[in-house]
Amino acid sequence: MPGLDQAYAPYCGAAPTAETLASRWNLDPILMAALLALALAYGLGLARVADADRPSPVQRSCILLGWALTALALISPLCALSVSLFSARVAQHMVLTLVAAPLVAVGRPAEVLGSLWPDAAKAVRRSRLWRMVASAPGATALFALFLWFWHSPAPYAATFDGPWIYWAMHLSLYGSALLLWRVLLDPARAGVAQSLAAGAISTLQMTFLGALLTLSPRLLFTPHLFTTVDWGLSPLSDQQIGGLIMWVPGCFVFLGVTLVTLARSMEGRVPGSVGRDAPSESRS
């Protein structure tokens, strides 16, 4: 069982075989305690948040599902499989950033958790750093930076040296994805134009990185040099599959939400936009 005292070894343990994979659940007590603590804190925050700011039942269901998918991506045998296959690591990242993160963002965790420590939350919201990273340009740039950094050969290889860099990767990717989805799912927060730009840039940068990994003629990720053969793949074909997993879902998810925002804006259904359904005084 992996733990935070494990050094210079992959956090998820040794590369599994097809016979042992089903039994390779990550039951790290620190991880499980952190997940349960976050769920408990959100529940306590719901009891304190003002009625006007309380997430709806649908929003609460979304964050529960997002929390469950986050836990599953980190605890299930997918963790161990990501030691063997680059494509499994990319799949884990796509589950976290493209599926779990938007579901969690729908539940407005920052507002709910902030109700537990209102003074600290107010100070954070007023800080220059928060205003920068929570803005549409800041969140877009931060997510792109971490995505490209952790899928570059040297930083990627470093995540196999122990738990600290492994968790730096996951927390930075997941945290920046939450910030980005906070902007994309609430265009009125940052403005329709900036939300559309964030979606378009995220579509392009993830598509480009996925294509680069898929079409690269040489192997970029040496940690999987000897671990893919048990799964019937060469290291290069595993890398290409990983690139496709990033390329196709990443492109369609970000493009889809961008097109939805554009359509709603043209219909005047986003505050601050002008469309055929906009109030008459806005058209005069």
Protein backbone atom coordinates (compact mmCIF):
# COMPACT_ATOMS: atom_id res chain seq x y z
CA MET A 1 0.00 0.00 0.00
CA PRO A 2 1.54 3.32 -1.03
CA GLY A 3 2.07 5.99 1.55
CA LEU A 4 3.70 9.37 1.87
CA ASP A 5 6.76 7.86 3.54
CA GLN A 6 7.58 5.90 0.39
CA ALA A 7 10.62 7.44 -1.33
CA TYR A 8 12.15 6.97 -4.76
CA ALA A 9 9.47 4.58 -5.93
CA PRO A 10 6.26 5.15 -7.88
CA TYR A 11 3.50 6.25 -5.54
CA CYS A 12 1.13 3.61 -6.94
CA GLY A 13 3.68 0.82 -6.46
CA ALA A 14 5.36 -1.50 -8.92
CA ALA A 15 3.98 -1.99 -12.41
CA PRO A 16 1.10 -4.51 -12.26
CA THR A 17 0.48 -7.50 -14.48
CA ALA A 18 -2.84 -8.41 -16.05
CA GLU A 19 -3.26 -11.07 -13.35
CA THR A 20 -2.64 -8.74 -10.40
CA LEU A 21 -4.28 -5.53 -11.63
CA ALA A 22 -7.75 -6.21 -10.21
CA SER A 23 -6.34 -6.45 -6.69
CA ARG A 24 -4.23 -3.28 -6.92
CA TRP A 25 -6.51 -0.79 -5.16
CA ASN A 26 -4.78 2.22 -3.65
CA LEU A 27 -5.90 2.21 -0.01
CA ASP A 28 -3.52 4.93 1.14
CA PRO A 29 -4.99 6.02 4.50
CA ILE A 30 -3.81 9.62 4.09
CA LEU A 31 -5.55 9.92 0.71
CA MET A 32 -8.75 8.33 2.00
CA ALA A 33 -8.76 10.56 5.08
CA ALA A 34 -8.27 13.66 2.91
CA LEU A 35 -11.16 12.68 0.62
CA LEU A 36 -13.48 12.04 3.56
CA ALA A 37 -12.41 15.29 5.25
CA LEU A 38 -13.26 17.28 2.11
CA ALA A 39 -16.67 15.62 1.88
CA LEU A 40 -17.35 16.32 5.56
CA ALA A 41 -16.20 19.94 5.25
CA TYR A 42 -18.52 20.49 2.27
CA GLY A 43 -21.43 19.04 4.23
CA LEU A 44 -20.70 21.33 7.19
CA GLY A 45 -20.39 24.28 4.84
CA LEU A 46 -23.82 23.58 3.37
CA ALA A 47 -25.32 23.97 6.83
CA ARG A 48 -23.72 27.41 7.24
CA VAL A 49 -24.03 28.94 3.79
CA ALA A 50 -26.83 31.47 3.33
CA ASP A 51 -30.02 30.18 1.73
CA ALA A 52 -29.58 32.48 -1.28
CA ASP A 53 -26.10 31.07 -1.92
CA ARG A 54 -26.84 27.41 -1.17
CA PRO A 55 -26.26 25.09 -4.16
CA SER A 56 -29.40 23.50 -5.58
CA PRO A 57 -30.11 19.77 -5.22
CA VAL A 58 -28.83 19.26 -8.78
CA GLN A 59 -25.61 21.10 -7.98
CA ARG A 60 -25.13 19.07 -4.81
CA SER A 61 -25.69 15.85 -6.78
CA CYS A 62 -23.09 16.96 -9.32
CA ILE A 63 -20.42 17.60 -6.71
CA LEU A 64 -21.17 14.26 -5.05
CA LEU A 65 -20.69 12.50 -8.39
CA GLY A 66 -17.54 14.54 -9.09
CA TRP A 67 -16.15 13.63 -5.67
CA ALA A 68 -16.87 9.94 -6.30
CA LEU A 69 -15.17 10.01 -9.70
CA THR A 70 -12.17 11.83 -8.22
CA ALA A 71 -11.86 9.18 -5.53
CA LEU A 72 -12.28 6.36 -8.05
CA ALA A 73 -9.59 7.75 -10.35
CA LEU A 74 -7.11 7.91 -7.46
CA ILE A 75 -8.03 4.76 -5.53
CA SER A 76 -8.99 2.27 -8.24
CA PRO A 77 -6.48 0.00 -10.06
CA LEU A 78 -6.16 2.79 -12.64
CA CYS A 79 -3.54 4.22 -10.26
CA ALA A 80 -1.41 1.07 -10.54
CA LEU A 81 -2.02 0.75 -14.29
CA SER A 82 -0.66 4.28 -14.77
CA VAL A 83 2.72 2.94 -13.63
CA SER A 84 2.72 0.54 -16.57
CA LEU A 85 1.10 2.63 -19.28
CA PHE A 86 1.39 6.27 -20.28
CA SER A 87 -2.07 5.95 -21.81
CA ALA A 88 -3.49 4.94 -18.42
CA ARG A 89 -1.88 7.98 -16.76
CA VAL A 90 -3.37 10.25 -19.42
CA ALA A 91 -6.78 8.57 -19.00
CA GLN A 92 -6.55 9.22 -15.26
CA HIS A 93 -5.78 12.88 -15.93
CA MET A 94 -8.68 13.21 -18.38
CA VAL A 95 -11.13 11.70 -15.88
CA LEU A 96 -9.95 14.16 -13.25
CA THR A 97 -9.78 17.32 -15.38
CA LEU A 98 -12.52 16.80 -17.98
CA VAL A 99 -15.17 14.87 -16.01
CA ALA A 100 -14.66 15.09 -12.25
CA ALA A 101 -13.47 18.72 -12.09
CA PRO A 102 -16.45 20.26 -13.94
CA LEU A 103 -18.88 18.23 -11.84
CA VAL A 104 -17.20 19.44 -8.66
CA ALA A 105 -17.12 23.03 -9.94
CA VAL A 106 -20.90 22.94 -10.50
CA GLY A 107 -21.32 22.44 -6.75
CA ARG A 108 -19.54 25.77 -6.01
CA PRO A 109 -17.04 24.34 -3.51
CA ALA A 110 -15.19 27.62 -3.00
CA GLU A 111 -18.33 29.39 -1.78
CA VAL A 112 -19.50 26.49 0.40
CA LEU A 113 -16.12 25.77 2.00
CA GLY A 114 -15.53 29.49 2.41
CA SER A 115 -18.57 29.68 4.68
CA LEU A 116 -16.63 27.67 7.27
CA TRP A 117 -13.89 30.29 7.49
CA PRO A 118 -15.54 33.52 6.26
CA ASP A 119 -12.75 35.89 7.29
CA ALA A 120 -10.07 33.78 5.61
CA ALA A 121 -12.25 33.34 2.52
CA LYS A 122 -12.82 37.09 2.30
CA ALA A 123 -9.08 37.73 2.56
CA VAL A 124 -8.35 35.20 -0.17
CA ARG A 125 -10.98 36.68 -2.51
CA ARG A 126 -9.47 40.14 -2.02
CA SER A 127 -5.90 39.00 -2.65
CA ARG A 128 -4.19 39.87 -5.89
CA LEU A 129 -3.10 36.26 -6.40
CA TRP A 130 -6.67 34.93 -6.23
CA ARG A 131 -7.99 37.62 -8.57
CA MET A 132 -5.27 36.67 -11.03
CA VAL A 133 -5.65 32.86 -11.00
CA ALA A 134 -9.46 32.96 -10.77
CA SER A 135 -9.80 35.24 -13.78
CA ALA A 136 -10.47 33.75 -17.21
CA PRO A 137 -6.99 34.55 -18.60
CA GLY A 138 -5.25 33.42 -15.40
CA ALA A 139 -7.14 30.12 -15.08
CA THR A 140 -6.67 29.35 -18.78
CA ALA A 141 -2.94 30.03 -18.65
CA LEU A 142 -2.46 28.12 -15.39
CA PHE A 143 -4.21 25.00 -16.66
CA ALA A 144 -2.28 25.05 -19.94
CA LEU A 145 1.00 25.59 -18.08
CA PHE A 146 0.51 22.61 -15.76
CA LEU A 147 -0.84 20.37 -18.53
CA TRP A 148 2.18 20.97 -20.77
CA PHE A 149 4.68 20.92 -17.89
CA TRP A 150 3.59 17.56 -16.42
CA HIS A 151 3.36 15.95 -19.86
CA SER A 152 6.90 16.97 -20.73
CA PRO A 153 9.50 14.17 -20.51
CA ALA A 154 11.60 15.30 -17.53
CA PRO A 155 8.80 16.45 -15.16
CA TYR A 156 6.74 13.37 -16.10
CA ALA A 157 9.63 11.05 -15.27
CA ALA A 158 10.18 12.84 -11.95
CA THR A 159 6.66 11.86 -10.79
CA PHE A 160 7.85 8.24 -10.59
CA ASP A 161 10.56 9.06 -8.04
CA GLY A 162 8.22 9.29 -5.06
CA PRO A 163 4.91 10.60 -3.74
CA TRP A 164 5.68 14.29 -3.32
CA ILE A 165 6.18 15.12 -7.00
CA TYR A 166 3.36 12.72 -7.91
CA TRP A 167 0.94 14.70 -5.72
CA ALA A 168 2.31 18.03 -6.90
CA MET A 169 1.31 16.93 -10.40
CA HIS A 170 -2.19 15.80 -9.48
CA LEU A 171 -3.02 18.71 -7.20
CA SER A 172 -1.80 21.34 -9.67
CA LEU A 173 -3.63 19.77 -12.61
CA TYR A 174 -6.83 19.23 -10.66
CA GLY A 175 -6.76 22.60 -8.93
CA SER A 176 -6.14 24.52 -12.15
CA ALA A 177 -8.89 22.53 -13.87
CA LEU A 178 -11.34 23.54 -11.12
CA LEU A 179 -10.42 27.19 -11.63
CA LEU A 180 -10.85 26.90 -15.40
CA TRP A 181 -14.22 25.14 -15.16
CA ARG A 182 -15.39 27.76 -12.67
CA VAL A 183 -14.98 30.29 -15.49
CA LEU A 184 -16.29 28.11 -18.32
CA LEU A 185 -19.46 27.01 -16.53
CA ASP A 186 -20.40 30.50 -15.36
CA PRO A 187 -19.72 32.88 -18.28
CA ALA A 188 -21.33 35.79 -16.44
CA ARG A 189 -18.60 35.58 -13.81
CA ALA A 190 -15.76 36.63 -16.11
CA GLY A 191 -17.74 37.95 -19.06
CA VAL A 192 -18.94 36.10 -22.13
CA ALA A 193 -16.06 37.20 -24.35
CA GLN A 194 -13.40 36.06 -21.89
CA SER A 195 -15.21 32.78 -21.21
CA LEU A 196 -15.41 32.07 -24.94
CA ALA A 197 -11.73 32.90 -25.34
CA ALA A 198 -10.85 30.58 -22.43
CA GLY A 199 -12.78 27.71 -24.00
CA ALA A 200 -11.28 28.28 -27.45
CA ILE A 201 -7.71 28.50 -26.14
CA SER A 202 -8.16 25.41 -23.98
CA THR A 203 -9.51 23.51 -26.99
CA LEU A 204 -6.55 24.52 -29.14
CA GLN A 205 -3.79 23.93 -26.60
CA MET A 206 -5.06 20.49 -25.52
CA THR A 207 -5.62 19.49 -29.16
CA PHE A 208 -2.10 20.59 -30.07
CA LEU A 209 -0.48 18.75 -27.15
CA GLY A 210 -2.49 15.59 -27.86
CA ALA A 211 -1.56 15.72 -31.54
CA LEU A 212 2.09 16.30 -30.68
CA LEU A 213 2.17 13.21 -28.46
CA THR A 214 0.25 11.11 -30.98
CA LEU A 215 2.32 12.05 -34.03
CA SER A 216 5.75 12.14 -32.39
CA PRO A 217 8.04 9.66 -34.19
CA ARG A 218 10.13 9.00 -31.08
CA LEU A 219 9.51 7.82 -27.55
CA LEU A 220 9.31 10.69 -25.06
CA PHE A 221 8.49 8.94 -21.78
CA THR A 222 11.19 6.52 -20.64
CA PRO A 223 9.47 5.35 -17.39
CA HIS A 224 7.33 3.05 -19.56
CA LEU A 225 10.19 1.69 -21.64
CA PHE A 226 9.93 -1.83 -20.13
CA THR A 227 6.38 -1.86 -18.73
CA THR A 228 4.14 -1.88 -21.79
CA VAL A 229 5.05 -5.27 -23.23
CA ASP A 230 2.85 -7.14 -20.71
CA TRP A 231 -0.11 -5.25 -22.17
CA GLY A 232 0.66 -6.04 -25.80
CA LEU A 233 1.90 -2.54 -26.61
CA SER A 234 5.19 -1.02 -27.60
CA PRO A 235 6.23 2.08 -25.63
CA LEU A 236 5.67 4.26 -28.71
CA SER A 237 2.21 2.87 -29.45
CA ASP A 238 1.28 3.36 -25.78
CA GLN A 239 2.40 6.99 -26.07
CA GLN A 240 0.35 7.43 -29.24
CA ILE A 241 -2.76 6.01 -27.57
CA GLY A 242 -2.22 8.39 -24.67
CA GLY A 243 -1.97 11.29 -27.10
CA LEU A 244 -5.26 10.28 -28.72
CA ILE A 245 -6.97 10.03 -25.32
CA MET A 246 -5.93 13.61 -24.68
CA TRP A 247 -6.51 14.87 -28.20
CA VAL A 248 -10.05 13.68 -28.91
CA PRO A 249 -11.86 14.04 -25.55
CA GLY A 250 -10.01 17.24 -24.71
CA CYS A 251 -10.92 18.81 -28.02
CA PHE A 252 -14.59 17.84 -27.95
CA VAL A 253 -15.24 18.64 -24.27
CA PHE A 254 -13.79 22.14 -24.37
CA LEU A 255 -15.15 22.83 -27.85
CA GLY A 256 -18.59 21.63 -26.75
CA VAL A 257 -18.82 23.89 -23.72
CA THR A 258 -17.53 26.82 -25.79
CA LEU A 259 -20.18 26.31 -28.46
CA VAL A 260 -22.91 26.02 -25.82
CA THR A 261 -21.77 29.31 -24.27
CA LEU A 262 -21.71 30.95 -27.69
CA ALA A 263 -25.22 29.70 -28.52
CA ARG A 264 -26.62 30.86 -25.15
CA SER A 265 -24.96 34.23 -25.60
CA MET A 266 -26.46 34.69 -29.06
CA GLU A 267 -29.88 33.88 -27.62
CA GLY A 268 -29.37 36.41 -24.83
CA ARG A 269 -29.48 33.74 -22.13
CA VAL A 270 -26.18 34.73 -20.50
CA PRO A 271 -26.20 37.86 -18.31
CA GLY A 272 -24.30 40.60 -20.06
CA SER A 273 -24.88 39.21 -23.54
CA VAL A 274 -27.09 40.69 -26.21
CA GLY A 275 -29.14 38.43 -28.42
CA ARG A 276 -32.56 37.99 -29.87
CA ASP A 277 -34.06 37.39 -26.41
CA ALA A 278 -32.32 40.34 -24.75
CA PRO A 279 -34.50 42.96 -23.06
CA SER A 280 -35.83 45.64 -25.35
CA GLU A 281 -33.92 48.41 -23.55
CA SER A 282 -30.69 46.58 -24.39
CA ARG A 283 -31.54 46.68 -28.07
CA SER A 284 -32.56 50.33 -28.15
